[in-house]
């Protein structure tokens, strides 16, 4: 025996509203185009940024610049210029992303540009104080640009992706996945 239940229009609307307001699951959010690639990009960007945060003062203190070693305080103060470059990089990455609408291209370009500058900093950062400062700020610019872009604008864009049909509750899940990969 098959039981048929009749629904009136209000019941159907209430059910649709309930489904619409439910959050998306982990795998559903992971399947959104771009989430996995940006999550892995953030993993590497954040790895480099935090390596510089903790390692850079020690490196500066241990590496003679123009033939002289800096004190721990001087090295710590100097290493903050990496973050100054990072602020400028975040602003520029956001601006370029807004103008072009190509978040992935901007993040990839910044990340690819960071590779030669990181090598240059390693090999030429001890030549002079000015070269050290300039290269350190450029490294911060290139590394923290995609980091800032991905953790903010990209996460918001992907959390409101058209495949979610306007479900705003996916934003937190997508942001958590991307930032969580960066924190691993």
N, C-alpha and C. Protein backbone atom coordinates (compact mmCIF):
# COMPACT_ATOMS: atom_id res chain seq x y z
N UNK A 1 0.84 -1.17 0.00
CA UNK A 1 0.00 0.00 0.00
C UNK A 1 0.89 1.24 0.00
N UNK A 2 0.62 2.15 -0.88
CA UNK A 2 1.39 3.37 -0.98
C UNK A 2 0.56 4.50 -0.40
N UNK A 3 1.21 5.20 0.51
CA UNK A 3 0.54 6.35 1.11
C UNK A 3 1.01 7.62 0.41
N UNK A 4 0.10 8.38 -0.03
CA UNK A 4 0.42 9.66 -0.64
C UNK A 4 0.01 10.76 0.31
N UNK A 5 0.93 11.65 0.50
CA UNK A 5 0.63 12.76 1.40
C UNK A 5 0.58 14.03 0.57
N UNK A 6 -0.45 14.76 0.77
CA UNK A 6 -0.60 16.00 0.02
C UNK A 6 0.06 17.14 0.79
N UNK A 7 0.80 17.94 0.06
CA UNK A 7 1.45 19.10 0.66
C UNK A 7 0.79 20.34 0.09
N UNK A 8 0.55 21.27 0.95
CA UNK A 8 0.06 22.54 0.43
C UNK A 8 1.26 23.44 0.11
N UNK A 9 1.03 24.55 -0.50
CA UNK A 9 2.10 25.45 -0.94
C UNK A 9 2.98 25.92 0.21
N UNK A 10 2.41 26.15 1.38
CA UNK A 10 3.19 26.62 2.52
C UNK A 10 4.17 25.56 2.99
N UNK A 11 3.77 24.28 2.99
CA UNK A 11 4.67 23.20 3.39
C UNK A 11 5.85 23.09 2.43
N UNK A 12 5.59 23.21 1.16
CA UNK A 12 6.65 23.12 0.15
C UNK A 12 7.63 24.28 0.31
N UNK A 13 7.12 25.50 0.52
CA UNK A 13 7.98 26.66 0.72
C UNK A 13 8.82 26.52 1.98
N UNK A 14 8.22 26.03 3.05
CA UNK A 14 8.96 25.86 4.30
C UNK A 14 10.08 24.84 4.14
N UNK A 15 9.82 23.73 3.42
CA UNK A 15 10.83 22.71 3.18
C UNK A 15 11.97 23.27 2.32
N UNK A 16 11.64 24.00 1.28
CA UNK A 16 12.66 24.60 0.41
C UNK A 16 13.51 25.61 1.18
N UNK A 17 12.88 26.38 2.06
CA UNK A 17 13.61 27.36 2.86
C UNK A 17 14.55 26.66 3.82
N UNK A 18 14.13 25.54 4.40
CA UNK A 18 14.96 24.78 5.32
C UNK A 18 16.18 24.24 4.58
N UNK A 19 15.98 23.65 3.40
CA UNK A 19 17.09 23.12 2.62
C UNK A 19 18.05 24.23 2.20
N UNK A 20 17.51 25.38 1.83
CA UNK A 20 18.32 26.50 1.37
C UNK A 20 19.21 27.03 2.48
N UNK A 21 18.74 27.00 3.72
CA UNK A 21 19.49 27.56 4.84
C UNK A 21 20.44 26.56 5.49
N UNK A 22 20.47 25.32 5.01
CA UNK A 22 21.39 24.35 5.58
C UNK A 22 22.79 24.62 5.05
N UNK A 23 23.78 24.41 5.90
CA UNK A 23 25.15 24.63 5.45
C UNK A 23 25.59 23.47 4.57
N UNK A 24 26.62 23.71 3.78
CA UNK A 24 27.13 22.67 2.90
C UNK A 24 28.11 21.81 3.68
N UNK A 25 28.28 20.59 3.23
CA UNK A 25 29.22 19.68 3.86
C UNK A 25 30.64 19.93 3.39
N UNK A 26 31.58 19.29 4.07
CA UNK A 26 33.00 19.44 3.76
C UNK A 26 33.29 19.07 2.31
N UNK A 27 32.84 17.89 1.89
CA UNK A 27 33.15 17.42 0.54
C UNK A 27 32.44 18.23 -0.54
N UNK A 28 31.23 18.69 -0.21
CA UNK A 28 30.52 19.54 -1.17
C UNK A 28 31.27 20.86 -1.36
N UNK A 29 31.77 21.42 -0.27
CA UNK A 29 32.54 22.66 -0.36
C UNK A 29 33.88 22.42 -1.05
N UNK A 30 34.52 21.30 -0.76
CA UNK A 30 35.81 20.96 -1.37
C UNK A 30 35.67 20.79 -2.89
N UNK A 31 34.47 20.37 -3.34
CA UNK A 31 34.22 20.12 -4.76
C UNK A 31 33.95 21.40 -5.56
N UNK A 32 33.79 22.53 -4.89
CA UNK A 32 33.58 23.79 -5.60
C UNK A 32 34.83 24.08 -6.42
N UNK A 33 34.67 24.40 -7.69
CA UNK A 33 35.84 24.67 -8.53
C UNK A 33 36.72 25.79 -7.93
N UNK A 34 37.97 25.49 -7.76
CA UNK A 34 38.92 26.47 -7.25
C UNK A 34 39.27 26.31 -5.78
N UNK A 35 38.43 25.66 -5.01
CA UNK A 35 38.70 25.55 -3.57
C UNK A 35 39.99 24.77 -3.32
N UNK A 36 40.15 23.62 -3.94
CA UNK A 36 41.35 22.82 -3.67
C UNK A 36 42.62 23.52 -4.16
N UNK A 37 42.58 24.12 -5.33
CA UNK A 37 43.79 24.78 -5.83
C UNK A 37 44.17 25.99 -4.98
N UNK A 38 43.19 26.78 -4.57
CA UNK A 38 43.50 27.92 -3.70
C UNK A 38 43.92 27.45 -2.30
N UNK A 39 43.36 26.35 -1.83
CA UNK A 39 43.75 25.82 -0.53
C UNK A 39 45.22 25.41 -0.54
N UNK A 40 45.65 24.75 -1.59
CA UNK A 40 47.05 24.35 -1.69
C UNK A 40 47.97 25.55 -1.92
N UNK A 41 47.51 26.52 -2.68
CA UNK A 41 48.29 27.74 -2.88
C UNK A 41 48.48 28.46 -1.55
N UNK A 42 47.43 28.53 -0.75
CA UNK A 42 47.55 29.17 0.56
C UNK A 42 48.48 28.37 1.47
N UNK A 43 48.43 27.04 1.36
CA UNK A 43 49.33 26.20 2.16
C UNK A 43 50.78 26.63 1.95
N UNK A 44 51.18 26.77 0.69
CA UNK A 44 52.57 27.12 0.40
C UNK A 44 52.87 28.59 0.69
N UNK A 45 51.94 29.47 0.42
CA UNK A 45 52.16 30.89 0.72
C UNK A 45 52.30 31.11 2.22
N UNK A 46 51.44 30.47 2.98
CA UNK A 46 51.48 30.64 4.43
C UNK A 46 52.73 29.97 5.01
N UNK A 47 53.15 28.87 4.42
CA UNK A 47 54.38 28.20 4.85
C UNK A 47 55.57 29.15 4.70
N UNK A 48 55.67 29.80 3.56
CA UNK A 48 56.77 30.73 3.33
C UNK A 48 56.66 31.94 4.26
N UNK A 49 55.45 32.49 4.39
CA UNK A 49 55.26 33.67 5.23
C UNK A 49 55.63 33.39 6.68
N UNK A 50 55.21 32.24 7.21
CA UNK A 50 55.52 31.93 8.60
C UNK A 50 56.97 31.51 8.78
N UNK A 51 57.55 30.92 7.76
CA UNK A 51 58.98 30.62 7.82
C UNK A 51 59.77 31.91 7.95
N UNK A 52 59.39 32.90 7.14
CA UNK A 52 60.06 34.19 7.25
C UNK A 52 59.78 34.85 8.59
N UNK A 53 58.58 34.75 9.09
CA UNK A 53 58.24 35.37 10.36
C UNK A 53 59.14 34.86 11.47
N UNK A 54 59.36 33.54 11.54
CA UNK A 54 60.13 32.96 12.63
C UNK A 54 61.62 32.82 12.32
N UNK A 55 61.97 32.64 11.08
CA UNK A 55 63.35 32.36 10.73
C UNK A 55 64.13 33.61 10.35
N UNK A 56 63.50 34.60 9.76
CA UNK A 56 64.18 35.76 9.23
C UNK A 56 65.01 36.52 10.27
N UNK A 57 64.51 36.80 11.47
CA UNK A 57 65.38 37.49 12.44
C UNK A 57 66.65 36.69 12.76
N UNK A 58 66.52 35.39 12.88
CA UNK A 58 67.71 34.56 13.14
C UNK A 58 68.67 34.63 11.96
N UNK A 59 68.14 34.52 10.74
CA UNK A 59 68.97 34.57 9.54
C UNK A 59 69.71 35.90 9.45
N UNK A 60 69.01 36.99 9.68
CA UNK A 60 69.64 38.31 9.61
C UNK A 60 70.71 38.45 10.68
N UNK A 61 70.43 37.96 11.87
CA UNK A 61 71.39 38.03 12.98
C UNK A 61 72.63 37.19 12.69
N UNK A 62 72.45 36.08 11.99
CA UNK A 62 73.56 35.15 11.74
C UNK A 62 74.32 35.42 10.45
N UNK A 63 73.81 36.26 9.58
CA UNK A 63 74.43 36.52 8.28
C UNK A 63 75.01 37.92 8.26
N UNK A 64 76.30 38.03 8.03
CA UNK A 64 76.90 39.38 7.94
C UNK A 64 76.35 40.15 6.75
N UNK A 65 75.93 41.37 7.01
CA UNK A 65 75.48 42.28 5.95
C UNK A 65 76.56 43.35 5.84
N UNK A 66 77.14 43.48 4.66
CA UNK A 66 78.28 44.37 4.43
C UNK A 66 79.43 44.03 5.39
N UNK A 67 79.55 42.75 5.71
CA UNK A 67 80.66 42.29 6.55
C UNK A 67 80.45 42.45 8.05
N UNK A 68 79.29 42.90 8.49
CA UNK A 68 79.06 43.03 9.94
C UNK A 68 77.76 42.37 10.36
N UNK A 69 77.79 41.80 11.54
CA UNK A 69 76.60 41.14 12.10
C UNK A 69 75.75 42.16 12.85
N UNK A 70 74.45 41.99 12.75
CA UNK A 70 73.52 42.85 13.48
C UNK A 70 73.17 42.20 14.81
N UNK A 71 72.77 43.02 15.77
CA UNK A 71 72.32 42.48 17.05
C UNK A 71 70.95 41.81 16.86
N UNK A 72 70.53 41.10 17.88
CA UNK A 72 69.22 40.43 17.81
C UNK A 72 68.10 41.46 17.66
N UNK A 73 68.21 42.58 18.38
CA UNK A 73 67.19 43.63 18.28
C UNK A 73 67.18 44.24 16.88
N UNK A 74 68.34 44.55 16.35
CA UNK A 74 68.42 45.13 15.01
C UNK A 74 67.87 44.16 13.96
N UNK A 75 68.20 42.89 14.11
CA UNK A 75 67.70 41.88 13.16
C UNK A 75 66.19 41.76 13.24
N UNK A 76 65.64 41.78 14.46
CA UNK A 76 64.19 41.71 14.63
C UNK A 76 63.49 42.92 14.04
N UNK A 77 64.08 44.10 14.28
CA UNK A 77 63.50 45.32 13.72
C UNK A 77 63.56 45.31 12.20
N UNK A 78 64.69 44.90 11.65
CA UNK A 78 64.85 44.86 10.20
C UNK A 78 63.89 43.87 9.55
N UNK A 79 63.64 42.74 10.21
CA UNK A 79 62.79 41.71 9.62
C UNK A 79 61.34 42.16 9.47
N UNK A 80 60.93 43.20 10.18
CA UNK A 80 59.55 43.69 10.03
C UNK A 80 59.31 44.29 8.65
N UNK A 81 60.38 44.62 7.94
CA UNK A 81 60.21 45.17 6.60
C UNK A 81 59.64 44.13 5.63
N UNK A 82 59.82 42.86 5.93
CA UNK A 82 59.17 41.81 5.14
C UNK A 82 57.66 42.00 5.20
N UNK A 83 57.14 42.29 6.39
CA UNK A 83 55.70 42.51 6.55
C UNK A 83 55.24 43.82 5.92
N UNK A 84 56.10 44.84 5.93
CA UNK A 84 55.75 46.10 5.27
C UNK A 84 55.57 45.84 3.77
N UNK A 85 56.49 45.09 3.19
CA UNK A 85 56.33 44.70 1.79
C UNK A 85 55.07 43.87 1.59
N UNK A 86 54.75 43.03 2.58
CA UNK A 86 53.55 42.20 2.51
C UNK A 86 52.27 43.01 2.51
N UNK A 87 52.24 44.09 3.26
CA UNK A 87 51.05 44.96 3.27
C UNK A 87 50.85 45.56 1.88
N UNK A 88 51.93 46.06 1.31
CA UNK A 88 51.85 46.62 -0.04
C UNK A 88 51.45 45.54 -1.05
N UNK A 89 51.98 44.32 -0.88
CA UNK A 89 51.63 43.22 -1.78
C UNK A 89 50.16 42.84 -1.68
N UNK A 90 49.63 42.83 -0.47
CA UNK A 90 48.21 42.53 -0.29
C UNK A 90 47.32 43.56 -0.94
N UNK A 91 47.69 44.82 -0.80
CA UNK A 91 46.92 45.90 -1.42
C UNK A 91 46.98 45.77 -2.94
N UNK A 92 48.18 45.54 -3.47
CA UNK A 92 48.33 45.45 -4.92
C UNK A 92 47.62 44.22 -5.47
N UNK A 93 47.73 43.09 -4.78
CA UNK A 93 47.05 41.87 -5.24
C UNK A 93 45.54 42.08 -5.26
N UNK A 94 45.00 42.71 -4.23
CA UNK A 94 43.57 43.00 -4.19
C UNK A 94 43.15 43.94 -5.31
N UNK A 95 43.96 44.97 -5.54
CA UNK A 95 43.65 45.92 -6.60
C UNK A 95 43.67 45.24 -7.97
N UNK A 96 44.72 44.46 -8.23
CA UNK A 96 44.81 43.77 -9.52
C UNK A 96 43.69 42.75 -9.69
N UNK A 97 43.33 42.10 -8.61
CA UNK A 97 42.24 41.12 -8.66
C UNK A 97 40.91 41.81 -8.97
N UNK A 98 40.67 42.95 -8.33
CA UNK A 98 39.43 43.69 -8.58
C UNK A 98 39.38 44.20 -10.02
N UNK A 99 40.49 44.69 -10.52
CA UNK A 99 40.52 45.24 -11.88
C UNK A 99 40.39 44.15 -12.95
N UNK A 100 41.04 43.00 -12.71
CA UNK A 100 41.06 41.95 -13.73
C UNK A 100 39.97 40.91 -13.54
N UNK A 101 39.54 40.72 -12.31
CA UNK A 101 38.58 39.65 -12.02
C UNK A 101 39.20 38.27 -12.10
N UNK A 102 40.52 38.22 -12.15
CA UNK A 102 41.24 36.95 -12.30
C UNK A 102 42.06 36.67 -11.04
N UNK A 103 41.37 36.21 -9.98
CA UNK A 103 42.06 35.93 -8.72
C UNK A 103 43.18 34.92 -8.88
N UNK A 104 42.91 33.86 -9.62
CA UNK A 104 43.90 32.80 -9.78
C UNK A 104 45.13 33.31 -10.51
N UNK A 105 44.95 34.10 -11.53
CA UNK A 105 46.08 34.63 -12.29
C UNK A 105 46.93 35.55 -11.42
N UNK A 106 46.28 36.39 -10.63
CA UNK A 106 47.02 37.30 -9.75
C UNK A 106 47.79 36.50 -8.70
N UNK A 107 47.14 35.56 -8.04
CA UNK A 107 47.81 34.76 -7.00
C UNK A 107 48.97 33.96 -7.59
N UNK A 108 48.75 33.36 -8.75
CA UNK A 108 49.81 32.58 -9.40
C UNK A 108 50.97 33.47 -9.81
N UNK A 109 50.69 34.61 -10.36
CA UNK A 109 51.75 35.54 -10.79
C UNK A 109 52.61 35.98 -9.60
N UNK A 110 51.97 36.35 -8.52
CA UNK A 110 52.71 36.76 -7.34
C UNK A 110 53.56 35.60 -6.79
N UNK A 111 52.97 34.41 -6.75
CA UNK A 111 53.68 33.26 -6.22
C UNK A 111 54.88 32.91 -7.10
N UNK A 112 54.68 32.92 -8.40
CA UNK A 112 55.79 32.63 -9.32
C UNK A 112 56.88 33.69 -9.24
N UNK A 113 56.49 34.94 -9.07
CA UNK A 113 57.47 36.02 -8.95
C UNK A 113 58.27 35.90 -7.66
N UNK A 114 57.68 35.30 -6.64
CA UNK A 114 58.40 35.18 -5.36
C UNK A 114 59.60 34.25 -5.45
N UNK A 115 59.55 33.25 -6.33
CA UNK A 115 60.62 32.25 -6.41
C UNK A 115 61.97 32.89 -6.72
N UNK A 116 62.12 33.64 -7.81
CA UNK A 116 63.45 34.22 -8.06
C UNK A 116 63.87 35.24 -6.99
N UNK A 117 62.90 35.98 -6.45
CA UNK A 117 63.25 36.97 -5.43
C UNK A 117 63.70 36.30 -4.13
N UNK A 118 63.11 35.17 -3.78
CA UNK A 118 63.57 34.45 -2.59
C UNK A 118 65.00 33.95 -2.78
N UNK A 119 65.30 33.43 -3.97
CA UNK A 119 66.68 33.01 -4.26
C UNK A 119 67.63 34.21 -4.25
N UNK A 120 67.20 35.31 -4.83
CA UNK A 120 68.04 36.51 -4.85
C UNK A 120 68.31 37.00 -3.43
N UNK A 121 67.29 36.95 -2.58
CA UNK A 121 67.50 37.37 -1.20
C UNK A 121 68.52 36.47 -0.52
N UNK A 122 68.43 35.19 -0.77
CA UNK A 122 69.36 34.24 -0.15
C UNK A 122 70.80 34.50 -0.59
N UNK A 123 71.00 34.77 -1.87
CA UNK A 123 72.36 34.90 -2.40
C UNK A 123 72.91 36.33 -2.41
N UNK A 124 72.04 37.33 -2.46
CA UNK A 124 72.52 38.71 -2.56
C UNK A 124 72.12 39.60 -1.39
N UNK A 125 71.37 39.07 -0.44
CA UNK A 125 70.92 39.87 0.69
C UNK A 125 72.03 40.35 1.60
N UNK A 126 73.18 39.70 1.53
CA UNK A 126 74.29 40.09 2.40
C UNK A 126 75.25 41.08 1.74
N UNK A 127 75.00 41.43 0.48
CA UNK A 127 75.89 42.34 -0.26
C UNK A 127 75.91 43.71 0.39
N UNK A 128 74.74 44.26 0.64
CA UNK A 128 74.65 45.56 1.30
C UNK A 128 73.33 45.66 2.05
N UNK A 129 73.29 46.62 2.94
CA UNK A 129 72.08 46.83 3.74
C UNK A 129 70.91 47.22 2.86
N UNK A 130 71.14 48.09 1.89
CA UNK A 130 70.07 48.55 0.99
C UNK A 130 69.54 47.39 0.15
N UNK A 131 70.44 46.57 -0.39
CA UNK A 131 70.02 45.42 -1.19
C UNK A 131 69.20 44.46 -0.32
N UNK A 132 69.63 44.25 0.92
CA UNK A 132 68.91 43.38 1.84
C UNK A 132 67.49 43.90 2.06
N UNK A 133 67.37 45.18 2.35
CA UNK A 133 66.06 45.77 2.62
C UNK A 133 65.15 45.68 1.40
N UNK A 134 65.67 46.05 0.23
CA UNK A 134 64.86 46.04 -0.99
C UNK A 134 64.40 44.62 -1.32
N UNK A 135 65.32 43.66 -1.29
CA UNK A 135 64.95 42.27 -1.61
C UNK A 135 63.98 41.70 -0.57
N UNK A 136 64.18 42.03 0.69
CA UNK A 136 63.27 41.53 1.74
C UNK A 136 61.86 42.07 1.54
N UNK A 137 61.76 43.35 1.19
CA UNK A 137 60.43 43.93 0.98
C UNK A 137 59.77 43.36 -0.28
N UNK A 138 60.56 43.12 -1.32
CA UNK A 138 60.00 42.52 -2.53
C UNK A 138 59.52 41.10 -2.23
N UNK A 139 60.29 40.35 -1.44
CA UNK A 139 59.87 39.00 -1.06
C UNK A 139 58.56 39.05 -0.28
N UNK A 140 58.46 39.98 0.66
CA UNK A 140 57.22 40.14 1.42
C UNK A 140 56.07 40.51 0.52
N UNK A 141 56.31 41.38 -0.43
CA UNK A 141 55.31 41.80 -1.41
C UNK A 141 54.78 40.60 -2.17
N UNK A 142 55.69 39.77 -2.69
CA UNK A 142 55.29 38.63 -3.53
C UNK A 142 54.69 37.48 -2.74
N UNK A 143 55.14 37.26 -1.53
CA UNK A 143 54.64 36.14 -0.72
C UNK A 143 53.32 36.48 -0.06
N UNK A 144 53.23 37.65 0.54
CA UNK A 144 52.02 38.00 1.29
C UNK A 144 50.89 38.52 0.43
N UNK A 145 51.18 38.88 -0.83
CA UNK A 145 50.11 39.30 -1.75
C UNK A 145 49.07 38.22 -1.95
N UNK A 146 49.49 37.01 -2.42
CA UNK A 146 48.49 35.95 -2.59
C UNK A 146 47.93 35.46 -1.27
N UNK A 147 48.73 35.49 -0.22
CA UNK A 147 48.26 35.07 1.11
C UNK A 147 47.07 35.93 1.52
N UNK A 148 47.22 37.25 1.41
CA UNK A 148 46.14 38.16 1.79
C UNK A 148 44.94 38.01 0.85
N UNK A 149 45.21 37.88 -0.44
CA UNK A 149 44.13 37.75 -1.42
C UNK A 149 43.31 36.49 -1.20
N UNK A 150 43.99 35.38 -0.98
CA UNK A 150 43.29 34.09 -0.83
C UNK A 150 42.48 34.04 0.45
N UNK A 151 43.03 34.54 1.55
CA UNK A 151 42.31 34.44 2.82
C UNK A 151 41.13 35.38 2.90
N UNK A 152 41.04 36.34 2.01
CA UNK A 152 39.93 37.30 2.09
C UNK A 152 39.02 37.19 0.86
N UNK A 153 39.38 37.85 -0.20
CA UNK A 153 38.51 37.96 -1.38
C UNK A 153 38.23 36.63 -2.05
N UNK A 154 39.25 35.80 -2.20
CA UNK A 154 39.05 34.52 -2.88
C UNK A 154 38.11 33.62 -2.07
N UNK A 155 38.32 33.56 -0.77
CA UNK A 155 37.44 32.74 0.07
C UNK A 155 35.99 33.21 -0.01
N UNK A 156 35.80 34.52 0.00
CA UNK A 156 34.44 35.06 -0.10
C UNK A 156 33.83 34.76 -1.47
N UNK A 157 34.63 34.90 -2.52
CA UNK A 157 34.12 34.60 -3.87
C UNK A 157 33.74 33.13 -4.01
N UNK A 158 34.60 32.24 -3.54
CA UNK A 158 34.31 30.81 -3.67
C UNK A 158 33.16 30.38 -2.76
N UNK A 159 33.02 31.04 -1.62
CA UNK A 159 31.93 30.71 -0.71
C UNK A 159 30.57 31.14 -1.22
N UNK A 160 30.57 31.99 -2.24
CA UNK A 160 29.32 32.41 -2.86
C UNK A 160 29.28 31.98 -4.33
N UNK A 161 29.97 30.90 -4.63
CA UNK A 161 30.05 30.38 -6.01
C UNK A 161 28.65 30.02 -6.50
N UNK A 162 28.43 30.17 -7.81
CA UNK A 162 27.10 29.93 -8.39
C UNK A 162 26.62 28.50 -8.19
N UNK A 163 27.55 27.54 -8.01
CA UNK A 163 27.13 26.15 -7.82
C UNK A 163 26.41 25.96 -6.48
N UNK A 164 26.52 26.95 -5.60
CA UNK A 164 25.86 26.86 -4.30
C UNK A 164 24.46 27.47 -4.32
N UNK A 165 24.04 27.97 -5.44
CA UNK A 165 22.71 28.53 -5.64
C UNK A 165 22.34 29.56 -4.58
N UNK A 166 23.29 30.41 -4.24
CA UNK A 166 23.01 31.50 -3.31
C UNK A 166 23.02 31.12 -1.85
N UNK A 167 23.43 29.91 -1.51
CA UNK A 167 23.47 29.49 -0.11
C UNK A 167 24.63 30.18 0.59
N UNK A 168 24.33 31.20 1.38
CA UNK A 168 25.35 31.99 2.05
C UNK A 168 26.04 31.22 3.18
N UNK A 169 25.45 30.13 3.62
CA UNK A 169 26.05 29.37 4.72
C UNK A 169 27.28 28.59 4.28
N UNK A 170 27.56 28.54 3.00
CA UNK A 170 28.75 27.84 2.52
C UNK A 170 30.01 28.68 2.72
N UNK A 171 29.86 29.96 2.89
CA UNK A 171 31.01 30.85 3.00
C UNK A 171 31.93 30.44 4.15
N UNK A 172 31.38 30.16 5.30
CA UNK A 172 32.21 29.77 6.45
C UNK A 172 32.92 28.45 6.21
N UNK A 173 32.25 27.50 5.58
CA UNK A 173 32.86 26.20 5.30
C UNK A 173 34.00 26.34 4.32
N UNK A 174 33.79 27.08 3.26
CA UNK A 174 34.84 27.27 2.25
C UNK A 174 36.02 28.02 2.85
N UNK A 175 35.76 29.06 3.59
CA UNK A 175 36.83 29.82 4.23
C UNK A 175 37.60 28.96 5.21
N UNK A 176 36.91 28.12 5.96
CA UNK A 176 37.57 27.23 6.92
C UNK A 176 38.45 26.20 6.22
N UNK A 177 37.98 25.67 5.09
CA UNK A 177 38.78 24.71 4.34
C UNK A 177 40.06 25.37 3.82
N UNK A 178 39.92 26.51 3.20
CA UNK A 178 41.08 27.18 2.61
C UNK A 178 42.06 27.62 3.70
N UNK A 179 41.57 28.27 4.74
CA UNK A 179 42.46 28.74 5.81
C UNK A 179 43.01 27.55 6.60
N UNK A 180 42.22 26.51 6.75
CA UNK A 180 42.71 25.32 7.45
C UNK A 180 43.86 24.66 6.73
N UNK A 181 43.78 24.60 5.40
CA UNK A 181 44.90 24.05 4.63
C UNK A 181 46.14 24.91 4.81
N UNK A 182 45.94 26.20 4.87
CA UNK A 182 47.09 27.08 5.10
C UNK A 182 47.70 26.87 6.47
N UNK A 183 46.88 26.55 7.44
CA UNK A 183 47.38 26.36 8.80
C UNK A 183 48.03 25.01 9.05
N UNK A 184 47.79 24.07 8.16
CA UNK A 184 48.40 22.74 8.34
C UNK A 184 49.90 22.89 8.34
